[in-house]
Amino acid sequence: PIVFTGAIDELFDCKLGQLPYRSLDFKFEHYDQEFYQS
């Protein structure tokens, strides 16, 4: 058995078309205080 959990379109170089997704950009920030928000 081969269990594939990745992006199936990318496995085949999107030859039938690329499946659309939303992505995210993350910005990490550090603060010299105990808490930033509630």
Full PDB file with SEQRES, HELIX, SHEET, SSBOND, CRYST1, ORIGX, SCALE, CONECT and MASTER records, all heavy atoms in Angstrom:
SEQRES   1 A   38  PRO ILE VAL PHE THR GLY ALA ILE ASP GLU LEU PHE ASP          
SEQRES   2 A   38  CYS LYS LEU GLY GLN LEU PRO TYR ARG SER LEU ASP PHE          
SEQRES   3 A   38  LYS PHE GLU HIS TYR ASP GLN GLU PHE TYR GLN SER              
HELIX    1 AA1 ILE A    8  LEU A   11  1                                   4    
CRYST1    1.000    1.000    1.000  90.00  90.00  90.00 P 1           1          
ORIGX1      1.000000  0.000000  0.000000        0.00000                         
ORIGX2      0.000000  1.000000  0.000000        0.00000                         
ORIGX3      0.000000  0.000000  1.000000        0.00000                         
SCALE1      1.000000  0.000000  0.000000        0.00000                         
SCALE2      0.000000  1.000000  0.000000        0.00000                         
SCALE3      0.000000  0.000000  1.000000        0.00000                         
ATOM      1  N   PRO A   1       0.826  -1.218   0.000  1.00  0.00           N  
ATOM      2  CA  PRO A   1       0.000   0.000   0.000  1.00  0.00           C  
ATOM      3  C   PRO A   1       0.856   1.263   0.000  1.00  0.00           C  
ATOM      4  O   PRO A   1       1.853   1.356   0.714  1.00  0.00           O  
ATOM      5  CB  PRO A   1      -0.809  -0.119   1.297  1.00  0.00           C  
ATOM      6  CG  PRO A   1      -0.069  -1.086   2.152  1.00  0.00           C  
ATOM      7  CD  PRO A   1       0.655  -2.008   1.232  1.00  0.00           C  
ATOM      8  N   ILE A   2       0.450   2.228  -0.834  1.00  0.00           N  
ATOM      9  CA  ILE A   2       1.078   3.548  -0.880  1.00  0.00           C  
ATOM     10  C   ILE A   2       0.011   4.562  -0.480  1.00  0.00           C  
ATOM     11  O   ILE A   2      -1.018   4.677  -1.154  1.00  0.00           O  
ATOM     12  CB  ILE A   2       1.614   3.873  -2.284  1.00  0.00           C  
ATOM     13  CG1 ILE A   2       2.649   2.833  -2.725  1.00  0.00           C  
ATOM     14  CG2 ILE A   2       2.207   5.273  -2.320  1.00  0.00           C  
ATOM     15  CD1 ILE A   2       3.093   2.983  -4.170  1.00  0.00           C  
ATOM     16  N   VAL A   3       0.244   5.259   0.619  1.00  0.00           N  
ATOM     17  CA  VAL A   3      -0.717   6.249   1.101  1.00  0.00           C  
ATOM     18  C   VAL A   3      -0.127   7.633   0.859  1.00  0.00           C  
ATOM     19  O   VAL A   3       0.901   7.992   1.435  1.00  0.00           O  
ATOM     20  CB  VAL A   3      -1.031   6.045   2.597  1.00  0.00           C  
ATOM     21  CG1 VAL A   3      -2.060   7.072   3.066  1.00  0.00           C  
ATOM     22  CG2 VAL A   3      -1.544   4.631   2.846  1.00  0.00           C  
ATOM     23  N   PHE A   4      -0.785   8.382   0.002  1.00  0.00           N  
ATOM     24  CA  PHE A   4      -0.293   9.700  -0.402  1.00  0.00           C  
ATOM     25  C   PHE A   4      -1.132  10.781   0.267  1.00  0.00           C  
ATOM     26  O   PHE A   4      -2.360  10.808   0.115  1.00  0.00           O  
ATOM     27  CB  PHE A   4      -0.362   9.847  -1.919  1.00  0.00           C  
ATOM     28  CG  PHE A   4       0.152  11.171  -2.429  1.00  0.00           C  
ATOM     29  CD1 PHE A   4       1.516  11.400  -2.530  1.00  0.00           C  
ATOM     30  CD2 PHE A   4      -0.722  12.183  -2.792  1.00  0.00           C  
ATOM     31  CE1 PHE A   4       2.002  12.630  -2.984  1.00  0.00           C  
ATOM     32  CE2 PHE A   4      -0.251  13.398  -3.260  1.00  0.00           C  
ATOM     33  CZ  PHE A   4       1.118  13.619  -3.350  1.00  0.00           C  
ATOM     34  N   THR A   5      -0.488  11.683   1.024  1.00  0.00           N  
ATOM     35  CA  THR A   5      -1.223  12.724   1.737  1.00  0.00           C  
ATOM     36  C   THR A   5      -0.894  14.130   1.236  1.00  0.00           C  
ATOM     37  O   THR A   5      -1.344  15.112   1.819  1.00  0.00           O  
ATOM     38  CB  THR A   5      -0.922  12.657   3.256  1.00  0.00           C  
ATOM     39  OG1 THR A   5       0.430  13.082   3.487  1.00  0.00           O  
ATOM     40  CG2 THR A   5      -1.116  11.257   3.802  1.00  0.00           C  
ATOM     41  N   GLY A   6      -0.141  14.225   0.154  1.00  0.00           N  
ATOM     42  CA  GLY A   6       0.259  15.533  -0.359  1.00  0.00           C  
ATOM     43  C   GLY A   6      -0.708  16.081  -1.392  1.00  0.00           C  
ATOM     44  O   GLY A   6      -1.823  15.583  -1.572  1.00  0.00           O  
ATOM     45  N   ALA A   7      -0.261  17.130  -2.086  1.00  0.00           N  
ATOM     46  CA  ALA A   7      -1.084  17.770  -3.123  1.00  0.00           C  
ATOM     47  C   ALA A   7      -1.062  16.902  -4.374  1.00  0.00           C  
ATOM     48  O   ALA A   7      -0.018  16.769  -5.027  1.00  0.00           O  
ATOM     49  CB  ALA A   7      -0.555  19.166  -3.419  1.00  0.00           C  
ATOM     50  N   ILE A   8      -2.204  16.329  -4.727  1.00  0.00           N  
ATOM     51  CA  ILE A   8      -2.269  15.362  -5.815  1.00  0.00           C  
ATOM     52  C   ILE A   8      -1.981  16.013  -7.163  1.00  0.00           C  
ATOM     53  O   ILE A   8      -1.368  15.410  -8.054  1.00  0.00           O  
ATOM     54  CB  ILE A   8      -3.637  14.638  -5.833  1.00  0.00           C  
ATOM     55  CG1 ILE A   8      -3.678  13.549  -6.894  1.00  0.00           C  
ATOM     56  CG2 ILE A   8      -4.779  15.611  -6.006  1.00  0.00           C  
ATOM     57  CD1 ILE A   8      -2.659  12.442  -6.703  1.00  0.00           C  
ATOM     58  N   ASP A   9      -2.368  17.286  -7.351  1.00  0.00           N  
ATOM     59  CA  ASP A   9      -2.096  17.942  -8.628  1.00  0.00           C  
ATOM     60  C   ASP A   9      -0.598  18.165  -8.819  1.00  0.00           C  
ATOM     61  O   ASP A   9      -0.062  17.988  -9.914  1.00  0.00           O  
ATOM     62  CB  ASP A   9      -2.866  19.260  -8.741  1.00  0.00           C  
ATOM     63  CG  ASP A   9      -2.549  20.240  -7.623  1.00  0.00           C  
ATOM     64  OD1 ASP A   9      -2.161  19.791  -6.521  1.00  0.00           O  
ATOM     65  OD2 ASP A   9      -2.704  21.460  -7.831  1.00  0.00           O  
ATOM     66  N   GLU A  10       0.104  18.508  -7.734  1.00  0.00           N  
ATOM     67  CA  GLU A  10       1.538  18.773  -7.837  1.00  0.00           C  
ATOM     68  C   GLU A  10       2.341  17.492  -8.066  1.00  0.00           C  
ATOM     69  O   GLU A  10       3.428  17.532  -8.647  1.00  0.00           O  
ATOM     70  CB  GLU A  10       2.019  19.504  -6.587  1.00  0.00           C  
ATOM     71  CG  GLU A  10       1.452  20.924  -6.499  1.00  0.00           C  
ATOM     72  CD  GLU A  10       1.802  21.634  -5.199  1.00  0.00           C  
ATOM     73  OE1 GLU A  10       2.728  21.162  -4.501  1.00  0.00           O  
ATOM     74  OE2 GLU A  10       1.146  22.638  -4.884  1.00  0.00           O  
ATOM     75  N   LEU A  11       1.798  16.363  -7.616  1.00  0.00           N  
ATOM     76  CA  LEU A  11       2.472  15.090  -7.863  1.00  0.00           C  
ATOM     77  C   LEU A  11       2.600  14.837  -9.363  1.00  0.00           C  
ATOM     78  O   LEU A  11       3.560  14.226  -9.823  1.00  0.00           O  
ATOM     79  CB  LEU A  11       1.698  13.953  -7.193  1.00  0.00           C  
ATOM     80  CG  LEU A  11       2.278  12.542  -7.351  1.00  0.00           C  
ATOM     81  CD1 LEU A  11       3.664  12.433  -6.698  1.00  0.00           C  
ATOM     82  CD2 LEU A  11       1.335  11.502  -6.746  1.00  0.00           C  
ATOM     83  N   PHE A  12       1.623  15.328 -10.114  1.00  0.00           N  
ATOM     84  CA  PHE A  12       1.625  15.148 -11.568  1.00  0.00           C  
ATOM     85  C   PHE A  12       1.914  16.457 -12.303  1.00  0.00           C  
ATOM     86  O   PHE A  12       1.456  16.664 -13.437  1.00  0.00           O  
ATOM     87  CB  PHE A  12       0.285  14.557 -12.027  1.00  0.00           C  
ATOM     88  CG  PHE A  12       0.051  13.157 -11.528  1.00  0.00           C  
ATOM     89  CD1 PHE A  12      -0.763  12.922 -10.431  1.00  0.00           C  
ATOM     90  CD2 PHE A  12       0.676  12.076 -12.129  1.00  0.00           C  
ATOM     91  CE1 PHE A  12      -0.969  11.637  -9.960  1.00  0.00           C  
ATOM     92  CE2 PHE A  12       0.480  10.779 -11.667  1.00  0.00           C  
ATOM     93  CZ  PHE A  12      -0.338  10.557 -10.568  1.00  0.00           C  
ATOM     94  N   ASP A  13       2.662  17.337 -11.635  1.00  0.00           N  
ATOM     95  CA  ASP A  13       3.090  18.609 -12.234  1.00  0.00           C  
ATOM     96  C   ASP A  13       1.921  19.422 -12.776  1.00  0.00           C  
ATOM     97  O   ASP A  13       2.056  20.139 -13.785  1.00  0.00           O  
ATOM     98  CB  ASP A  13       4.124  18.356 -13.339  1.00  0.00           C  
ATOM     99  CG  ASP A  13       5.398  17.736 -12.806  1.00  0.00           C  
ATOM    100  OD1 ASP A  13       5.855  18.174 -11.737  1.00  0.00           O  
ATOM    101  OD2 ASP A  13       5.918  16.786 -13.446  1.00  0.00           O  
ATOM    102  N   CYS A  14       0.769  19.287 -12.116  1.00  0.00           N  
ATOM    103  CA  CYS A  14      -0.434  20.067 -12.470  1.00  0.00           C  
ATOM    104  C   CYS A  14      -0.810  19.912 -13.940  1.00  0.00           C  
ATOM    105  O   CYS A  14      -1.300  20.861 -14.573  1.00  0.00           O  
ATOM    106  CB  CYS A  14      -0.236  21.547 -12.123  1.00  0.00           C  
ATOM    107  SG  CYS A  14       0.093  21.861 -10.371  1.00  0.00           S  
ATOM    108  N   LYS A  15      -0.589  18.720 -14.492  1.00  0.00           N  
ATOM    109  CA  LYS A  15      -0.800  18.545 -15.939  1.00  0.00           C  
ATOM    110  C   LYS A  15      -2.275  18.643 -16.338  1.00  0.00           C  
ATOM    111  O   LYS A  15      -2.575  18.898 -17.515  1.00  0.00           O  
ATOM    112  CB  LYS A  15      -0.208  17.213 -16.400  1.00  0.00           C  
ATOM    113  CG  LYS A  15      -0.915  15.962 -15.924  1.00  0.00           C  
ATOM    114  CD  LYS A  15      -0.233  14.739 -16.526  1.00  0.00           C  
ATOM    115  CE  LYS A  15      -0.963  13.445 -16.220  1.00  0.00           C  
ATOM    116  NZ  LYS A  15      -0.308  12.277 -16.851  1.00  0.00           N  
ATOM    117  N   LEU A  16      -3.184  18.464 -15.389  1.00  0.00           N  
ATOM    118  CA  LEU A  16      -4.613  18.637 -15.681  1.00  0.00           C  
ATOM    119  C   LEU A  16      -5.120  20.003 -15.236  1.00  0.00           C  
ATOM    120  O   LEU A  16      -6.288  20.330 -15.406  1.00  0.00           O  
ATOM    121  CB  LEU A  16      -5.427  17.540 -14.984  1.00  0.00           C  
ATOM    122  CG  LEU A  16      -5.062  16.090 -15.309  1.00  0.00           C  
ATOM    123  CD1 LEU A  16      -5.924  15.131 -14.521  1.00  0.00           C  
ATOM    124  CD2 LEU A  16      -5.208  15.827 -16.806  1.00  0.00           C  
ATOM    125  N   GLY A  17      -4.222  20.795 -14.658  1.00  0.00           N  
ATOM    126  CA  GLY A  17      -4.583  22.100 -14.106  1.00  0.00           C  
ATOM    127  C   GLY A  17      -4.204  22.168 -12.634  1.00  0.00           C  
ATOM    128  O   GLY A  17      -4.111  21.138 -11.965  1.00  0.00           O  
ATOM    129  N   GLN A  18      -3.967  23.384 -12.139  1.00  0.00           N  
ATOM    130  CA  GLN A  18      -3.577  23.565 -10.739  1.00  0.00           C  
ATOM    131  C   GLN A  18      -4.806  23.763  -9.864  1.00  0.00           C  
ATOM    132  O   GLN A  18      -5.673  24.583 -10.159  1.00  0.00           O  
ATOM    133  CB  GLN A  18      -2.644  24.767 -10.586  1.00  0.00           C  
ATOM    134  CG  GLN A  18      -2.124  24.951  -9.163  1.00  0.00           C  
ATOM    135  CD  GLN A  18      -1.087  26.063  -9.044  1.00  0.00           C  
ATOM    136  OE1 GLN A  18      -0.901  26.840  -9.962  1.00  0.00           O  
ATOM    137  NE2 GLN A  18      -0.411  26.126  -7.914  1.00  0.00           N  
ATOM    138  N   LEU A  19      -4.880  23.000  -8.778  1.00  0.00           N  
ATOM    139  CA  LEU A  19      -5.978  23.151  -7.828  1.00  0.00           C  
ATOM    140  C   LEU A  19      -5.773  24.436  -7.017  1.00  0.00           C  
ATOM    141  O   LEU A  19      -4.711  24.642  -6.437  1.00  0.00           O  
ATOM    142  CB  LEU A  19      -6.041  21.942  -6.888  1.00  0.00           C  
ATOM    143  CG  LEU A  19      -6.565  20.653  -7.523  1.00  0.00           C  
ATOM    144  CD1 LEU A  19      -6.278  19.453  -6.636  1.00  0.00           C  
ATOM    145  CD2 LEU A  19      -8.062  20.768  -7.793  1.00  0.00           C  
ATOM    146  N   PRO A  20      -6.783  25.301  -6.949  1.00  0.00           N  
ATOM    147  CA  PRO A  20      -6.629  26.578  -6.243  1.00  0.00           C  
ATOM    148  C   PRO A  20      -6.704  26.415  -4.723  1.00  0.00           C  
ATOM    149  O   PRO A  20      -7.514  25.646  -4.201  1.00  0.00           O  
ATOM    150  CB  PRO A  20      -7.821  27.408  -6.751  1.00  0.00           C  
ATOM    151  CG  PRO A  20      -8.300  26.704  -7.983  1.00  0.00           C  
ATOM    152  CD  PRO A  20      -8.026  25.259  -7.739  1.00  0.00           C  
ATOM    153  N   TYR A  21      -5.846  27.151  -4.043  1.00  0.00           N  
ATOM    154  CA  TYR A  21      -5.837  27.207  -2.581  1.00  0.00           C  
ATOM    155  C   TYR A  21      -5.666  28.655  -2.151  1.00  0.00           C  
ATOM    156  O   TYR A  21      -5.247  29.514  -2.920  1.00  0.00           O  
ATOM    157  CB  TYR A  21      -4.657  26.415  -2.002  1.00  0.00           C  
ATOM    158  CG  TYR A  21      -4.725  24.924  -2.152  1.00  0.00           C  
ATOM    159  CD1 TYR A  21      -4.206  24.296  -3.283  1.00  0.00           C  
ATOM    160  CD2 TYR A  21      -5.274  24.131  -1.150  1.00  0.00           C  
ATOM    161  CE1 TYR A  21      -4.241  22.918  -3.413  1.00  0.00           C  
ATOM    162  CE2 TYR A  21      -5.309  22.750  -1.271  1.00  0.00           C  
ATOM    163  CZ  TYR A  21      -4.788  22.146  -2.403  1.00  0.00           C  
ATOM    164  OH  TYR A  21      -4.826  20.782  -2.531  1.00  0.00           O  
ATOM    165  N   ARG A  22      -5.946  28.889  -0.866  1.00  0.00           N  
ATOM    166  CA  ARG A  22      -5.516  30.113  -0.216  1.00  0.00           C  
ATOM    167  C   ARG A  22      -4.294  29.794   0.628  1.00  0.00           C  
ATOM    168  O   ARG A  22      -4.217  28.743   1.262  1.00  0.00           O  
ATOM    169  CB  ARG A  22      -6.620  30.684   0.673  1.00  0.00           C  
ATOM    170  CG  ARG A  22      -7.811  31.188  -0.113  1.00  0.00           C  
ATOM    171  CD  ARG A  22      -7.489  32.393  -0.963  1.00  0.00           C  
ATOM    172  NE  ARG A  22      -7.360  33.617  -0.154  1.00  0.00           N  
ATOM    173  CZ  ARG A  22      -6.870  34.752  -0.610  1.00  0.00           C  
ATOM    174  NH1 ARG A  22      -6.419  34.835  -1.854  1.00  0.00           N  
ATOM    175  NH2 ARG A  22      -6.804  35.816   0.175  1.00  0.00           N  
ATOM    176  N   SER A  23      -3.341  30.698   0.616  1.00  0.00           N  
ATOM    177  CA  SER A  23      -2.154  30.537   1.424  1.00  0.00           C  
ATOM    178  C   SER A  23      -2.110  31.640   2.479  1.00  0.00           C  
ATOM    179  O   SER A  23      -3.018  32.479   2.563  1.00  0.00           O  
ATOM    180  CB  SER A  23      -0.901  30.587   0.550  1.00  0.00           C  
ATOM    181  OG  SER A  23       0.238  30.243   1.304  1.00  0.00           O  
ATOM    182  N   LEU A  24      -1.074  31.636   3.293  1.00  0.00           N  
ATOM    183  CA  LEU A  24      -0.921  32.620   4.355  1.00  0.00           C  
ATOM    184  C   LEU A  24       0.531  33.062   4.448  1.00  0.00           C  
ATOM    185  O   LEU A  24       1.441  32.258   4.249  1.00  0.00           O  
ATOM    186  CB  LEU A  24      -1.330  32.028   5.718  1.00  0.00           C  
ATOM    187  CG  LEU A  24      -2.794  31.614   5.909  1.00  0.00           C  
ATOM    188  CD1 LEU A  24      -2.924  30.730   7.149  1.00  0.00           C  
ATOM    189  CD2 LEU A  24      -3.691  32.830   6.034  1.00  0.00           C  
ATOM    190  N   ASP A  25       0.727  34.337   4.734  1.00  0.00           N  
ATOM    191  CA  ASP A  25       2.028  34.843   5.150  1.00  0.00           C  
ATOM    192  C   ASP A  25       1.961  35.074   6.656  1.00  0.00           C  
ATOM    193  O   ASP A  25       0.992  35.649   7.161  1.00  0.00           O  
ATOM    194  CB  ASP A  25       2.359  36.166   4.457  1.00  0.00           C  
ATOM    195  CG  ASP A  25       3.030  35.962   3.113  1.00  0.00           C  
ATOM    196  OD1 ASP A  25       3.431  34.818   2.830  1.00  0.00           O  
ATOM    197  OD2 ASP A  25       3.140  36.936   2.351  1.00  0.00           O  
ATOM    198  N   PHE A  26       2.992  34.626   7.362  1.00  0.00           N  
ATOM    199  CA  PHE A  26       3.031  34.785   8.810  1.00  0.00           C  
ATOM    200  C   PHE A  26       4.120  35.781   9.197  1.00  0.00           C  
ATOM    201  O   PHE A  26       5.242  35.704   8.700  1.00  0.00           O  
ATOM    202  CB  PHE A  26       3.302  33.450   9.505  1.00  0.00           C  
ATOM    203  CG  PHE A  26       2.207  32.436   9.319  1.00  0.00           C  
ATOM    204  CD1 PHE A  26       2.458  31.239   8.662  1.00  0.00           C  
ATOM    205  CD2 PHE A  26       0.931  32.661   9.815  1.00  0.00           C  
ATOM    206  CE1 PHE A  26       1.459  30.302   8.500  1.00  0.00           C  
ATOM    207  CE2 PHE A  26      -0.066  31.729   9.656  1.00  0.00           C  
ATOM    208  CZ  PHE A  26       0.190  30.547   9.000  1.00  0.00           C  
ATOM    209  N   LYS A  27       3.784  36.674  10.097  1.00  0.00           N  
ATOM    210  CA  LYS A  27       4.770  37.604  10.641  1.00  0.00           C  
ATOM    211  C   LYS A  27       4.852  37.381  12.156  1.00  0.00           C  
ATOM    212  O   LYS A  27       3.880  37.639  12.878  1.00  0.00           O  
ATOM    213  CB  LYS A  27       4.397  39.058  10.337  1.00  0.00           C  
ATOM    214  CG  LYS A  27       5.442  40.058  10.833  1.00  0.00           C  
ATOM    215  CD  LYS A  27       5.033  41.493  10.544  1.00  0.00           C  
ATOM    216  CE  LYS A  27       6.096  42.478  11.055  1.00  0.00           C  
ATOM    217  NZ  LYS A  27       5.668  43.885  10.876  1.00  0.00           N  
ATOM    218  N   PHE A  28       5.987  36.872  12.606  1.00  0.00           N  
ATOM    219  CA  PHE A  28       6.208  36.647  14.036  1.00  0.00           C  
ATOM    220  C   PHE A  28       6.801  37.905  14.660  1.00  0.00           C  
ATOM    221  O   PHE A  28       7.686  38.542  14.085  1.00  0.00           O  
ATOM    222  CB  PHE A  28       7.169  35.471  14.250  1.00  0.00           C  
ATOM    223  CG  PHE A  28       6.589  34.125  13.883  1.00  0.00           C  
ATOM    224  CD1 PHE A  28       6.679  33.641  12.591  1.00  0.00           C  
ATOM    225  CD2 PHE A  28       5.953  33.347  14.835  1.00  0.00           C  
ATOM    226  CE1 PHE A  28       6.147  32.411  12.243  1.00  0.00           C  
ATOM    227  CE2 PHE A  28       5.414  32.117  14.500  1.00  0.00           C  
ATOM    228  CZ  PHE A  28       5.511  31.640  13.207  1.00  0.00           C  
ATOM    229  N   GLU A  29       6.314  38.259  15.847  1.00  0.00           N  
ATOM    230  CA  GLU A  29       6.838  39.408  16.575  1.00  0.00           C  
ATOM    231  C   GLU A  29       7.035  39.018  18.032  1.00  0.00           C  
ATOM    232  O   GLU A  29       6.213  38.288  18.598  1.00  0.00           O  
ATOM    233  CB  GLU A  29       5.883  40.609  16.476  1.00  0.00           C  
ATOM    234  CG  GLU A  29       5.678  41.113  15.057  1.00  0.00           C  
ATOM    235  CD  GLU A  29       4.659  42.251  14.975  1.00  0.00           C  
ATOM    236  OE1 GLU A  29       4.109  42.630  16.029  1.00  0.00           O  
ATOM    237  OE2 GLU A  29       4.407  42.738  13.854  1.00  0.00           O  
ATOM    238  N   HIS A  30       8.114  39.488  18.624  1.00  0.00           N  
ATOM    239  CA  HIS A  30       8.405  39.181  20.029  1.00  0.00           C  
ATOM    240  C   HIS A  30       8.396  40.465  20.849  1.00  0.00           C  
ATOM    241  O   HIS A  30       8.850  41.520  20.378  1.00  0.00           O  
ATOM    242  CB  HIS A  30       9.774  38.500  20.163  1.00  0.00           C  
ATOM    243  CG  HIS A  30      10.056  38.009  21.548  1.00  0.00           C  
ATOM    244  ND1 HIS A  30       9.484  36.866  22.060  1.00  0.00           N  
ATOM    245  CD2 HIS A  30      10.822  38.533  22.537  1.00  0.00           C  
ATOM    246  CE1 HIS A  30       9.894  36.695  23.291  1.00  0.00           C  
ATOM    247  NE2 HIS A  30      10.704  37.685  23.607  1.00  0.00           N  
ATOM    248  N   TYR A  31       7.843  40.365  22.068  1.00  0.00           N  
ATOM    249  CA  TYR A  31       7.724  41.544  22.919  1.00  0.00           C  
ATOM    250  C   TYR A  31       8.262  41.237  24.316  1.00  0.00           C  
ATOM    251  O   TYR A  31       8.022  40.157  24.859  1.00  0.00           O  
ATOM    252  CB  TYR A  31       6.256  41.984  23.013  1.00  0.00           C  
ATOM    253  CG  TYR A  31       5.740  42.537  21.706  1.00  0.00           C  
ATOM    254  CD1 TYR A  31       5.154  41.693  20.754  1.00  0.00           C  
ATOM    255  CD2 TYR A  31       5.855  43.893  21.407  1.00  0.00           C  
ATOM    256  CE1 TYR A  31       4.694  42.192  19.555  1.00  0.00           C  
ATOM    257  CE2 TYR A  31       5.394  44.396  20.204  1.00  0.00           C  
ATOM    258  CZ  TYR A  31       4.815  43.549  19.274  1.00  0.00           C  
ATOM    259  OH  TYR A  31       4.375  44.050  18.092  1.00  0.00           O  
ATOM    260  N   ASP A  32       8.957  42.219  24.881  1.00  0.00           N  
ATOM    261  CA  ASP A  32       9.506  42.087  26.236  1.00  0.00           C  
ATOM    262  C   ASP A  32       8.438  42.475  27.255  1.00  0.00           C  
ATOM    263  O   ASP A  32       8.592  43.439  28.027  1.00  0.00           O  
ATOM    264  CB  ASP A  32      10.754  42.960  26.391  1.00  0.00           C  
ATOM    265  CG  ASP A  32      11.942  42.391  25.631  1.00  0.00           C  
ATOM    266  OD1 ASP A  32      12.064  41.156  25.561  1.00  0.00           O  
ATOM    267  OD2 ASP A  32      12.735  43.185  25.097  1.00  0.00           O  
ATOM    268  N   GLN A  33       7.341  41.756  27.230  1.00  0.00           N  
ATOM    269  CA  GLN A  33       6.259  41.924  28.194  1.00  0.00           C  
ATOM    270  C   GLN A  33       5.586  40.576  28.368  1.00  0.00           C  
ATOM    271  O   GLN A  33       5.708  39.697  27.510  1.00  0.00           O  
ATOM    272  CB  GLN A  33       5.256  42.977  27.703  1.00  0.00           C  
ATOM    273  CG  GLN A  33       4.606  42.634  26.367  1.00  0.00           C  
ATOM    274  CD  GLN A  33       3.947  43.830  25.709  1.00  0.00           C  
ATOM    275  OE1 GLN A  33       4.613  44.821  25.399  1.00  0.00           O  
ATOM    276  NE2 GLN A  33       2.628  43.749  25.499  1.00  0.00           N  
ATOM    277  N   GLU A  34       4.868  40.407  29.478  1.00  0.00           N  
ATOM    278  CA  GLU A  34       4.335  39.075  29.779  1.00  0.00           C  
ATOM    279  C   GLU A  34       3.255  38.657  28.777  1.00  0.00           C  
ATOM    280  O   GLU A  34       3.260  37.526  28.303  1.00  0.00           O  
ATOM    281  CB  GLU A  34       3.783  39.033  31.204  1.00  0.00           C  
ATOM    282  CG  GLU A  34       3.426  37.617  31.645  1.00  0.00           C  
ATOM    283  CD  GLU A  34       3.019  37.539  33.101  1.00  0.00           C  
ATOM    284  OE1 GLU A  34       2.906  38.594  33.753  1.00  0.00           O  
ATOM    285  OE2 GLU A  34       2.814  36.417  33.590  1.00  0.00           O  
ATOM    286  N   PHE A  35       2.339  39.569  28.460  1.00  0.00           N  
ATOM    287  CA  PHE A  35       1.290  39.272  27.492  1.00  0.00           C  
ATOM    288  C   PHE A  35       1.085  40.461  26.559  1.00  0.00           C  
ATOM    289  O   PHE A  35       1.305  41.615  26.940  1.00  0.00           O  
ATOM    290  CB  PHE A  35      -0.027  38.916  28.187  1.00  0.00           C  
ATOM    291  CG  PHE A  35      -0.011  37.551  28.830  1.00  0.00           C  
ATOM    292  CD1 PHE A  35       0.170  37.423  30.201  1.00  0.00           C  
ATOM    293  CD2 PHE A  35      -0.151  36.402  28.066  1.00  0.00           C  
ATOM    294  CE1 PHE A  35       0.202  36.175  30.796  1.00  0.00           C  
ATOM    295  CE2 PHE A  35      -0.121  35.150  28.658  1.00  0.00           C  
ATOM    296  CZ  PHE A  35       0.060  35.032  30.024  1.00  0.00           C  
ATOM    297  N   TYR A  36       0.643  40.159  25.353  1.00  0.00           N  
ATOM    298  CA  TYR A  36       0.427  41.190  24.336  1.00  0.00           C  
ATOM    299  C   TYR A  36      -1.051  41.549  24.221  1.00  0.00           C  
ATOM    300  O   TYR A  36      -1.401  42.691  23.955  1.00  0.00           O  
ATOM    301  CB  TYR A  36       0.949  40.691  22.989  1.00  0.00           C  
ATOM    302  CG  TYR A  36       0.752  41.633  21.829  1.00  0.00           C  
ATOM    303  CD1 TYR A  36       1.671  42.644  21.571  1.00  0.00           C  
ATOM    304  CD2 TYR A  36      -0.359  41.522  20.988  1.00  0.00           C  
ATOM    305  CE1 TYR A  36       1.499  43.524  20.511  1.00  0.00           C  
ATOM    306  CE2 TYR A  36      -0.542  42.386  19.922  1.00  0.00           C  
ATOM    307  CZ  TYR A  36       0.386  43.381  19.684  1.00  0.00           C  
ATOM    308  OH  TYR A  36       0.213  44.248  18.633  1.00  0.00           O  
ATOM    309  N   GLN A  37      -1.934  40.542  24.375  1.00  0.00           N  
ATOM    310  CA  GLN A  37      -3.368  40.757  24.175  1.00  0.00           C  
ATOM    311  C   GLN A  37      -4.158  39.968  25.223  1.00  0.00           C  
ATOM    312  O   GLN A  37      -3.579  39.248  26.036  1.00  0.00           O  
ATOM    313  CB  GLN A  37      -3.790  40.370  22.751  1.00  0.00           C  
ATOM    314  CG  GLN A  37      -3.480  38.925  22.384  1.00  0.00           C  
ATOM    315  CD  GLN A  37      -3.638  38.641  20.896  1.00  0.00           C  
ATOM    316  OE1 GLN A  37      -3.528  39.529  20.047  1.00  0.00           O  
ATOM    317  NE2 GLN A  37      -3.915  37.379  20.563  1.00  0.00           N  
ATOM    318  N   SER A  38      -5.489  40.097  25.192  1.00  0.00           N  
ATOM    319  CA  SER A  38      -6.324  39.561  26.278  1.00  0.00           C  
ATOM    320  C   SER A  38      -6.674  38.093  26.113  1.00  0.00           C  
ATOM    321  O   SER A  38      -7.035  37.418  27.086  1.00  0.00           O  
ATOM    322  CB  SER A  38      -7.617  40.376  26.377  1.00  0.00           C  
ATOM    323  OG  SER A  38      -8.363  40.261  25.162  1.00  0.00           O  
TER     324      SER A  38                                                      
MASTER        0    0    0    1    0    0    0    6  323    1    0    3          
END                                                                             
